[in-house]
Amino acid sequence: MKVNLIYFAWVRERIGKTEEEMELPKSVVTVGDLLSHLKGLGEEYETALQFPDVIRVAINQEHVEHDEAIAGAREIGIFPPMTGG
């Protein structure tokens, strides 16, 4: 499955990309699977996603939990926790 990944804030800074299109292997079924897959792509991904429990994810601009299936996703946003102000 091909998806567009968009990175925000310090996730973007650590990975060094604003977005990228990626073909995901069939083994990537959930958001959690995606984060694990990305961590294996290199040191910059490992650094950005070293604490996956705090990473927030949106599928097609809708916030989802890490156990959410990614089937049908066109766009997946990955970002750090939001802070109030």
PDB file of N, CA and C in Angstrom:
ATOM      1  N   MET A   1       0.846  -1.173   0.000  1.00  0.00           N
ATOM      2  CA  MET A   1       0.000   0.000   0.000  1.00  0.00           C
ATOM      3  C   MET A   1       0.897   1.244   0.000  1.00  0.00           C
ATOM      4  N   LYS A   2       0.563   2.187  -0.843  1.00  0.00           N
ATOM      5  CA  LYS A   2       1.333   3.427  -0.926  1.00  0.00           C
ATOM      6  C   LYS A   2       0.589   4.522  -0.169  1.00  0.00           C
ATOM      7  N   VAL A   3       1.311   5.227   0.719  1.00  0.00           N
ATOM      8  CA  VAL A   3       0.714   6.322   1.489  1.00  0.00           C
ATOM      9  C   VAL A   3       1.645   7.526   1.479  1.00  0.00           C
ATOM     10  N   ASN A   4       1.057   8.675   1.746  1.00  0.00           N
ATOM     11  CA  ASN A   4       1.828   9.893   1.908  1.00  0.00           C
ATOM     12  C   ASN A   4       1.995  10.138   3.408  1.00  0.00           C
ATOM     13  N   LEU A   5       3.223  10.168   3.868  1.00  0.00           N
ATOM     14  CA  LEU A   5       3.520  10.410   5.275  1.00  0.00           C
ATOM     15  C   LEU A   5       3.932  11.863   5.441  1.00  0.00           C
ATOM     16  N   ILE A   6       3.336  12.539   6.414  1.00  0.00           N
ATOM     17  CA  ILE A   6       3.654  13.937   6.690  1.00  0.00           C
ATOM     18  C   ILE A   6       4.155  14.029   8.125  1.00  0.00           C
ATOM     19  N   TYR A   7       5.307  14.656   8.303  1.00  0.00           N
ATOM     20  CA  TYR A   7       5.936  14.761   9.621  1.00  0.00           C
ATOM     21  C   TYR A   7       5.834  16.196  10.137  1.00  0.00           C
ATOM     22  N   PHE A   8       5.597  16.344  11.439  1.00  0.00           N
ATOM     23  CA  PHE A   8       5.407  17.653  12.040  1.00  0.00           C
ATOM     24  C   PHE A   8       6.378  17.896  13.192  1.00  0.00           C
ATOM     25  N   ALA A   9       6.682  19.176  13.435  1.00  0.00           N
ATOM     26  CA  ALA A   9       7.454  19.661  14.589  1.00  0.00           C
ATOM     27  C   ALA A   9       8.770  18.910  14.722  1.00  0.00           C
ATOM     28  N   TRP A  10       9.118  18.453  15.945  1.00  0.00           N
ATOM     29  CA  TRP A  10      10.427  17.828  16.115  1.00  0.00           C
ATOM     30  C   TRP A  10      10.533  16.463  15.458  1.00  0.00           C
ATOM     31  N   VAL A  11       9.418  15.812  15.147  1.00  0.00           N
ATOM     32  CA  VAL A  11       9.501  14.559  14.368  1.00  0.00           C
ATOM     33  C   VAL A  11      10.090  14.895  12.991  1.00  0.00           C
ATOM     34  N   ARG A  12       9.585  15.953  12.370  1.00  0.00           N
ATOM     35  CA  ARG A  12      10.085  16.398  11.058  1.00  0.00           C
ATOM     36  C   ARG A  12      11.561  16.784  11.154  1.00  0.00           C
ATOM     37  N   GLU A  13      11.910  17.526  12.192  1.00  0.00           N
ATOM     38  CA  GLU A  13      13.298  17.970  12.341  1.00  0.00           C
ATOM     39  C   GLU A  13      14.249  16.791  12.497  1.00  0.00           C
ATOM     40  N   ARG A  14      13.866  15.802  13.258  1.00  0.00           N
ATOM     41  CA  ARG A  14      14.756  14.653  13.497  1.00  0.00           C
ATOM     42  C   ARG A  14      14.853  13.737  12.287  1.00  0.00           C
ATOM     43  N   ILE A  15      13.744  13.561  11.555  1.00  0.00           N
ATOM     44  CA  ILE A  15      13.778  12.719  10.360  1.00  0.00           C
ATOM     45  C   ILE A  15      14.441  13.461   9.211  1.00  0.00           C
ATOM     46  N   GLY A  16      14.276  14.792   9.185  1.00  0.00           N
ATOM     47  CA  GLY A  16      14.893  15.593   8.148  1.00  0.00           C
ATOM     48  C   GLY A  16      14.057  15.708   6.886  1.00  0.00           C
ATOM     49  N   LYS A  17      12.765  15.390   6.987  1.00  0.00           N
ATOM     50  CA  LYS A  17      11.858  15.475   5.839  1.00  0.00           C
ATOM     51  C   LYS A  17      10.526  16.035   6.314  1.00  0.00           C
ATOM     52  N   THR A  18       9.883  16.795   5.439  1.00  0.00           N
ATOM     53  CA  THR A  18       8.542  17.287   5.730  1.00  0.00           C
ATOM     54  C   THR A  18       7.522  16.210   5.433  1.00  0.00           C
ATOM     55  N   GLU A  19       7.702  15.518   4.310  1.00  0.00           N
ATOM     56  CA  GLU A  19       6.808  14.435   3.928  1.00  0.00           C
ATOM     57  C   GLU A  19       7.507  13.514   2.952  1.00  0.00           C
ATOM     58  N   GLU A  20       6.917  12.343   2.769  1.00  0.00           N
ATOM     59  CA  GLU A  20       7.426  11.401   1.791  1.00  0.00           C
ATOM     60  C   GLU A  20       6.328  10.411   1.431  1.00  0.00           C
ATOM     61  N   GLU A  21       6.397   9.925   0.206  1.00  0.00           N
ATOM     62  CA  GLU A  21       5.480   8.870  -0.218  1.00  0.00           C
ATOM     63  C   GLU A  21       6.212   7.552  -0.027  1.00  0.00           C
ATOM     64  N   MET A  22       5.504   6.581   0.527  1.00  0.00           N
ATOM     65  CA  MET A  22       6.157   5.322   0.858  1.00  0.00           C
ATOM     66  C   MET A  22       5.250   4.145   0.532  1.00  0.00           C
ATOM     67  N   GLU A  23       5.844   3.132  -0.034  1.00  0.00           N
ATOM     68  CA  GLU A  23       5.153   1.858  -0.263  1.00  0.00           C
ATOM     69  C   GLU A  23       5.364   1.018   0.987  1.00  0.00           C
ATOM     70  N   LEU A  24       4.275   0.668   1.670  1.00  0.00           N
ATOM     71  CA  LEU A  24       4.382  -0.085   2.918  1.00  0.00           C
ATOM     72  C   LEU A  24       4.239  -1.576   2.663  1.00  0.00           C
ATOM     73  N   PRO A  25       5.011  -2.392   3.385  1.00  0.00           N
ATOM     74  CA  PRO A  25       4.865  -3.840   3.242  1.00  0.00           C
ATOM     75  C   PRO A  25       3.515  -4.307   3.807  1.00  0.00           C
ATOM     76  N   LYS A  26       3.065  -5.455   3.350  1.00  0.00           N
ATOM     77  CA  LYS A  26       1.777  -6.007   3.796  1.00  0.00           C
ATOM     78  C   LYS A  26       1.737  -6.243   5.300  1.00  0.00           C
ATOM     79  N   SER A  27       2.892  -6.397   5.928  1.00  0.00           N
ATOM     80  CA  SER A  27       2.946  -6.647   7.374  1.00  0.00           C
ATOM     81  C   SER A  27       2.574  -5.409   8.193  1.00  0.00           C
ATOM     82  N   VAL A  28       2.545  -4.246   7.567  1.00  0.00           N
ATOM     83  CA  VAL A  28       2.175  -3.009   8.266  1.00  0.00           C
ATOM     84  C   VAL A  28       0.659  -2.859   8.172  1.00  0.00           C
ATOM     85  N   VAL A  29      -0.018  -3.174   9.282  1.00  0.00           N
ATOM     86  CA  VAL A  29      -1.484  -3.198   9.305  1.00  0.00           C
ATOM     87  C   VAL A  29      -2.052  -2.079  10.177  1.00  0.00           C
ATOM     88  N   THR A  30      -1.380  -1.780  11.281  1.00  0.00           N
ATOM     89  CA  THR A  30      -1.869  -0.776  12.226  1.00  0.00           C
ATOM     90  C   THR A  30      -0.893   0.395  12.314  1.00  0.00           C
ATOM     91  N   VAL A  31      -1.315   1.445  12.992  1.00  0.00           N
ATOM     92  CA  VAL A  31      -0.440   2.587  13.250  1.00  0.00           C
ATOM     93  C   VAL A  31       0.806   2.131  14.008  1.00  0.00           C
ATOM     94  N   GLY A  32       0.634   1.271  14.994  1.00  0.00           N
ATOM     95  CA  GLY A  32       1.776   0.750  15.750  1.00  0.00           C
ATOM     96  C   GLY A  32       2.764   0.019  14.855  1.00  0.00           C
ATOM     97  N   ASP A  33       2.234  -0.786  13.913  1.00  0.00           N
ATOM     98  CA  ASP A  33       3.097  -1.479  12.948  1.00  0.00           C
ATOM     99  C   ASP A  33       3.874  -0.466  12.111  1.00  0.00           C
ATOM    100  N   LEU A  34       3.198   0.605  11.706  1.00  0.00           N
ATOM    101  CA  LEU A  34       3.845   1.640  10.900  1.00  0.00           C
ATOM    102  C   LEU A  34       5.003   2.280  11.656  1.00  0.00           C
ATOM    103  N   LEU A  35       4.770   2.647  12.915  1.00  0.00           N
ATOM    104  CA  LEU A  35       5.832   3.274  13.705  1.00  0.00           C
ATOM    105  C   LEU A  35       7.018   2.330  13.866  1.00  0.00           C
ATOM    106  N   SER A  36       6.752   1.059  14.097  1.00  0.00           N
ATOM    107  CA  SER A  36       7.846   0.065  14.209  1.00  0.00           C
ATOM    108  C   SER A  36       8.605  -0.053  12.894  1.00  0.00           C
ATOM    109  N   HIS A  37       7.877  -0.077  11.791  1.00  0.00           N
ATOM    110  CA  HIS A  37       8.498  -0.171  10.465  1.00  0.00           C
ATOM    111  C   HIS A  37       9.397   1.044  10.212  1.00  0.00           C
ATOM    112  N   LEU A  38       8.879   2.227  10.504  1.00  0.00           N
ATOM    113  CA  LEU A  38       9.657   3.445  10.277  1.00  0.00           C
ATOM    114  C   LEU A  38      10.923   3.470  11.112  1.00  0.00           C
ATOM    115  N   LYS A  39      10.843   3.007  12.361  1.00  0.00           N
ATOM    116  CA  LYS A  39      12.029   3.001  13.231  1.00  0.00           C
ATOM    117  C   LYS A  39      13.167   2.179  12.641  1.00  0.00           C
ATOM    118  N   GLY A  40      12.822   1.197  11.807  1.00  0.00           N
ATOM    119  CA  GLY A  40      13.840   0.340  11.197  1.00  0.00           C
ATOM    120  C   GLY A  40      14.452   0.913   9.926  1.00  0.00           C
ATOM    121  N   LEU A  41      14.045   2.113   9.517  1.00  0.00           N
ATOM    122  CA  LEU A  41      14.529   2.682   8.252  1.00  0.00           C
ATOM    123  C   LEU A  41      15.823   3.463   8.379  1.00  0.00           C
ATOM    124  N   GLY A  42      16.284   3.683   9.593  1.00  0.00           N
ATOM    125  CA  GLY A  42      17.539   4.411   9.744  1.00  0.00           C
ATOM    126  C   GLY A  42      17.597   5.148  11.062  1.00  0.00           C
ATOM    127  N   GLU A  43      18.779   5.640  11.363  1.00  0.00           N
ATOM    128  CA  GLU A  43      19.030   6.291  12.647  1.00  0.00           C
ATOM    129  C   GLU A  43      18.127   7.498  12.883  1.00  0.00           C
ATOM    130  N   GLU A  44      17.877   8.289  11.830  1.00  0.00           N
ATOM    131  CA  GLU A  44      17.045   9.479  11.999  1.00  0.00           C
ATOM    132  C   GLU A  44      15.604   9.111  12.380  1.00  0.00           C
ATOM    133  N   TYR A  45      15.078   8.034  11.814  1.00  0.00           N
ATOM    134  CA  TYR A  45      13.738   7.570  12.176  1.00  0.00           C
ATOM    135  C   TYR A  45      13.732   6.998  13.593  1.00  0.00           C
ATOM    136  N   GLU A  46      14.763   6.234  13.905  1.00  0.00           N
ATOM    137  CA  GLU A  46      14.896   5.652  15.244  1.00  0.00           C
ATOM    138  C   GLU A  46      14.910   6.752  16.305  1.00  0.00           C
ATOM    139  N   THR A  47      15.662   7.819  16.040  1.00  0.00           N
ATOM    140  CA  THR A  47      15.744   8.940  16.982  1.00  0.00           C
ATOM    141  C   THR A  47      14.393   9.642  17.122  1.00  0.00           C
ATOM    142  N   ALA A  48      13.743   9.911  16.007  1.00  0.00           N
ATOM    143  CA  ALA A  48      12.467  10.629  16.029  1.00  0.00           C
ATOM    144  C   ALA A  48      11.365   9.833  16.717  1.00  0.00           C
ATOM    145  N   LEU A  49      11.422   8.516  16.595  1.00  0.00           N
ATOM    146  CA  LEU A  49      10.334   7.663  17.090  1.00  0.00           C
ATOM    147  C   LEU A  49      10.758   6.790  18.264  1.00  0.00           C
ATOM    148  N   GLN A  50      11.804   7.204  18.978  1.00  0.00           N
ATOM    149  CA  GLN A  50      12.333   6.372  20.052  1.00  0.00           C
ATOM    150  C   GLN A  50      11.348   6.178  21.206  1.00  0.00           C
ATOM    151  N   PHE A  51      10.385   7.088  21.361  1.00  0.00           N
ATOM    152  CA  PHE A  51       9.355   6.954  22.394  1.00  0.00           C
ATOM    153  C   PHE A  51       7.991   6.932  21.713  1.00  0.00           C
ATOM    154  N   PRO A  52       7.652   5.800  21.075  1.00  0.00           N
ATOM    155  CA  PRO A  52       6.432   5.751  20.264  1.00  0.00           C
ATOM    156  C   PRO A  52       5.148   6.036  21.043  1.00  0.00           C
ATOM    157  N   ASP A  53       5.140   5.803  22.345  1.00  0.00           N
ATOM    158  CA  ASP A  53       3.923   6.032  23.127  1.00  0.00           C
ATOM    159  C   ASP A  53       3.490   7.496  23.136  1.00  0.00           C
ATOM    160  N   VAL A  54       4.427   8.427  22.924  1.00  0.00           N
ATOM    161  CA  VAL A  54       4.058   9.841  22.940  1.00  0.00           C
ATOM    162  C   VAL A  54       3.734  10.379  21.545  1.00  0.00           C
ATOM    163  N   ILE A  55       4.009   9.583  20.509  1.00  0.00           N
ATOM    164  CA  ILE A  55       3.775  10.028  19.143  1.00  0.00           C
ATOM    165  C   ILE A  55       2.282   9.993  18.833  1.00  0.00           C
ATOM    166  N   ARG A  56       1.793  11.077  18.253  1.00  0.00           N
ATOM    167  CA  ARG A  56       0.393  11.175  17.838  1.00  0.00           C
ATOM    168  C   ARG A  56       0.326  10.918  16.335  1.00  0.00           C
ATOM    169  N   VAL A  57      -0.797  10.359  15.898  1.00  0.00           N
ATOM    170  CA  VAL A  57      -0.946  10.021  14.484  1.00  0.00           C
ATOM    171  C   VAL A  57      -2.347  10.405  14.016  1.00  0.00           C
ATOM    172  N   ALA A  58      -2.419  10.893  12.788  1.00  0.00           N
ATOM    173  CA  ALA A  58      -3.707  11.186  12.155  1.00  0.00           C
ATOM    174  C   ALA A  58      -3.745  10.473  10.806  1.00  0.00           C
ATOM    175  N   ILE A  59      -4.856   9.810  10.538  1.00  0.00           N
ATOM    176  CA  ILE A  59      -5.082   9.176   9.244  1.00  0.00           C
ATOM    177  C   ILE A  59      -6.133  10.002   8.521  1.00  0.00           C
ATOM    178  N   ASN A  60      -5.781  10.460   7.323  1.00  0.00           N
ATOM    179  CA  ASN A  60      -6.693  11.305   6.539  1.00  0.00           C
ATOM    180  C   ASN A  60      -7.240  12.452   7.391  1.00  0.00           C
ATOM    181  N   GLN A  61      -6.349  13.063   8.163  1.00  0.00           N
ATOM    182  CA  GLN A  61      -6.604  14.242   9.004  1.00  0.00           C
ATOM    183  C   GLN A  61      -7.537  13.964  10.185  1.00  0.00           C
ATOM    184  N   GLU A  62      -7.593  12.719  10.623  1.00  0.00           N
ATOM    185  CA  GLU A  62      -8.386  12.358  11.797  1.00  0.00           C
ATOM    186  C   GLU A  62      -7.482  11.644  12.803  1.00  0.00           C
ATOM    187  N   HIS A  63      -7.440  12.146  14.030  1.00  0.00           N
ATOM    188  CA  HIS A  63      -6.591  11.539  15.057  1.00  0.00           C
ATOM    189  C   HIS A  63      -7.033  10.106  15.339  1.00  0.00           C
ATOM    190  N   VAL A  64      -6.042   9.210  15.471  1.00  0.00           N
ATOM    191  CA  VAL A  64      -6.331   7.803  15.720  1.00  0.00           C
ATOM    192  C   VAL A  64      -5.384   7.263  16.787  1.00  0.00           C
ATOM    193  N   GLU A  65      -5.766   6.138  17.364  1.00  0.00           N
ATOM    194  CA  GLU A  65      -4.922   5.434  18.329  1.00  0.00           C
ATOM    195  C   GLU A  65      -3.944   4.523  17.580  1.00  0.00           C
ATOM    196  N   HIS A  66      -2.964   4.028  18.296  1.00  0.00           N
ATOM    197  CA  HIS A  66      -1.929   3.197  17.671  1.00  0.00           C
ATOM    198  C   HIS A  66      -2.429   1.826  17.229  1.00  0.00           C
ATOM    199  N   ASP A  67      -3.584   1.390  17.729  1.00  0.00           N
ATOM    200  CA  ASP A  67      -4.113   0.090  17.295  1.00  0.00           C
ATOM    201  C   ASP A  67      -5.051   0.223  16.091  1.00  0.00           C
ATOM    202  N   GLU A  68      -5.202   1.443  15.577  1.00  0.00           N
ATOM    203  CA  GLU A  68      -6.077   1.699  14.426  1.00  0.00           C
ATOM    204  C   GLU A  68      -5.472   1.105  13.152  1.00  0.00           C
ATOM    205  N   ALA A  69      -6.308   0.451  12.339  1.00  0.00           N
ATOM    206  CA  ALA A  69      -5.853  -0.078  11.052  1.00  0.00           C
ATOM    207  C   ALA A  69      -5.582   1.077  10.090  1.00  0.00           C
ATOM    208  N   ILE A  70      -4.588   0.910   9.239  1.00  0.00           N
ATOM    209  CA  ILE A  70      -4.249   1.963   8.286  1.00  0.00           C
ATOM    210  C   ILE A  70      -4.800   1.678   6.893  1.00  0.00           C
ATOM    211  N   ALA A  71      -5.548   0.593   6.719  1.00  0.00           N
ATOM    212  CA  ALA A  71      -6.123   0.265   5.416  1.00  0.00           C
ATOM    213  C   ALA A  71      -6.936   1.447   4.903  1.00  0.00           C
ATOM    214  N   GLY A  72      -6.733   1.799   3.657  1.00  0.00           N
ATOM    215  CA  GLY A  72      -7.462   2.895   3.046  1.00  0.00           C
ATOM    216  C   GLY A  72      -6.885   4.268   3.310  1.00  0.00           C
ATOM    217  N   ALA A  73      -5.800   4.333   4.068  1.00  0.00           N
ATOM    218  CA  ALA A  73      -5.185   5.634   4.366  1.00  0.00           C
ATOM    219  C   ALA A  73      -4.541   6.209   3.107  1.00  0.00           C
ATOM    220  N   ARG A  74      -4.799   7.476   2.853  1.00  0.00           N
ATOM    221  CA  ARG A  74      -4.128   8.193   1.771  1.00  0.00           C
ATOM    222  C   ARG A  74      -3.013   9.055   2.338  1.00  0.00           C
ATOM    223  N   GLU A  75      -3.261   9.573   3.543  1.00  0.00           N
ATOM    224  CA  GLU A  75      -2.318  10.487   4.181  1.00  0.00           C
ATOM    225  C   GLU A  75      -2.232  10.140   5.666  1.00  0.00           C
ATOM    226  N   ILE A  76      -1.005  10.039   6.160  1.00  0.00           N
ATOM    227  CA  ILE A  76      -0.789   9.753   7.579  1.00  0.00           C
ATOM    228  C   ILE A  76       0.133  10.824   8.134  1.00  0.00           C
ATOM    229  N   GLY A  77      -0.369  11.572   9.115  1.00  0.00           N
ATOM    230  CA  GLY A  77       0.405  12.593   9.784  1.00  0.00           C
ATOM    231  C   GLY A  77       1.006  12.039  11.056  1.00  0.00           C
ATOM    232  N   ILE A  78       2.268  12.323  11.303  1.00  0.00           N
ATOM    233  CA  ILE A  78       2.968  11.834  12.491  1.00  0.00           C
ATOM    234  C   ILE A  78       3.573  13.030  13.207  1.00  0.00           C
ATOM    235  N   PHE A  79       3.228  13.195  14.486  1.00  0.00           N
ATOM    236  CA  PHE A  79       3.668  14.385  15.215  1.00  0.00           C
ATOM    237  C   PHE A  79       3.809  14.114  16.697  1.00  0.00           C
ATOM    238  N   PRO A  80       4.565  14.976  17.387  1.00  0.00           N
ATOM    239  CA  PRO A  80       4.755  14.828  18.828  1.00  0.00           C
ATOM    240  C   PRO A  80       3.496  15.248  19.572  1.00  0.00           C
ATOM    241  N   PRO A  81       3.471  15.012  20.880  1.00  0.00           N
ATOM    242  CA  PRO A  81       2.295  15.434  21.662  1.00  0.00           C
ATOM    243  C   PRO A  81       2.093  16.946  21.570  1.00  0.00           C
ATOM    244  N   MET A  82       0.849  17.335  21.587  1.00  0.00           N
ATOM    245  CA  MET A  82       0.549  18.764  21.542  1.00  0.00           C
ATOM    246  C   MET A  82       0.563  19.323  22.959  1.00  0.00           C
ATOM    247  N   THR A  83       0.996  20.549  23.069  1.00  0.00           N
ATOM    248  CA  THR A  83       0.999  21.192  24.371  1.00  0.00           C
ATOM    249  C   THR A  83       0.007  22.344  24.365  1.00  0.00           C
ATOM    250  N   GLY A  84      -0.545  22.596  25.509  1.00  0.00           N
ATOM    251  CA  GLY A  84      -1.499  23.700  25.631  1.00  0.00           C
ATOM    252  C   GLY A  84      -0.776  25.026  25.742  1.00  0.00           C
ATOM    253  N   GLY A  85      -1.529  26.105  25.649  1.00  0.00           N
ATOM    254  CA  GLY A  85      -0.862  27.383  25.723  1.00  0.00           C
ATOM    255  C   GLY A  85      -1.684  28.406  26.274  1.00  0.00           C
TER     256      GLY A  85
END
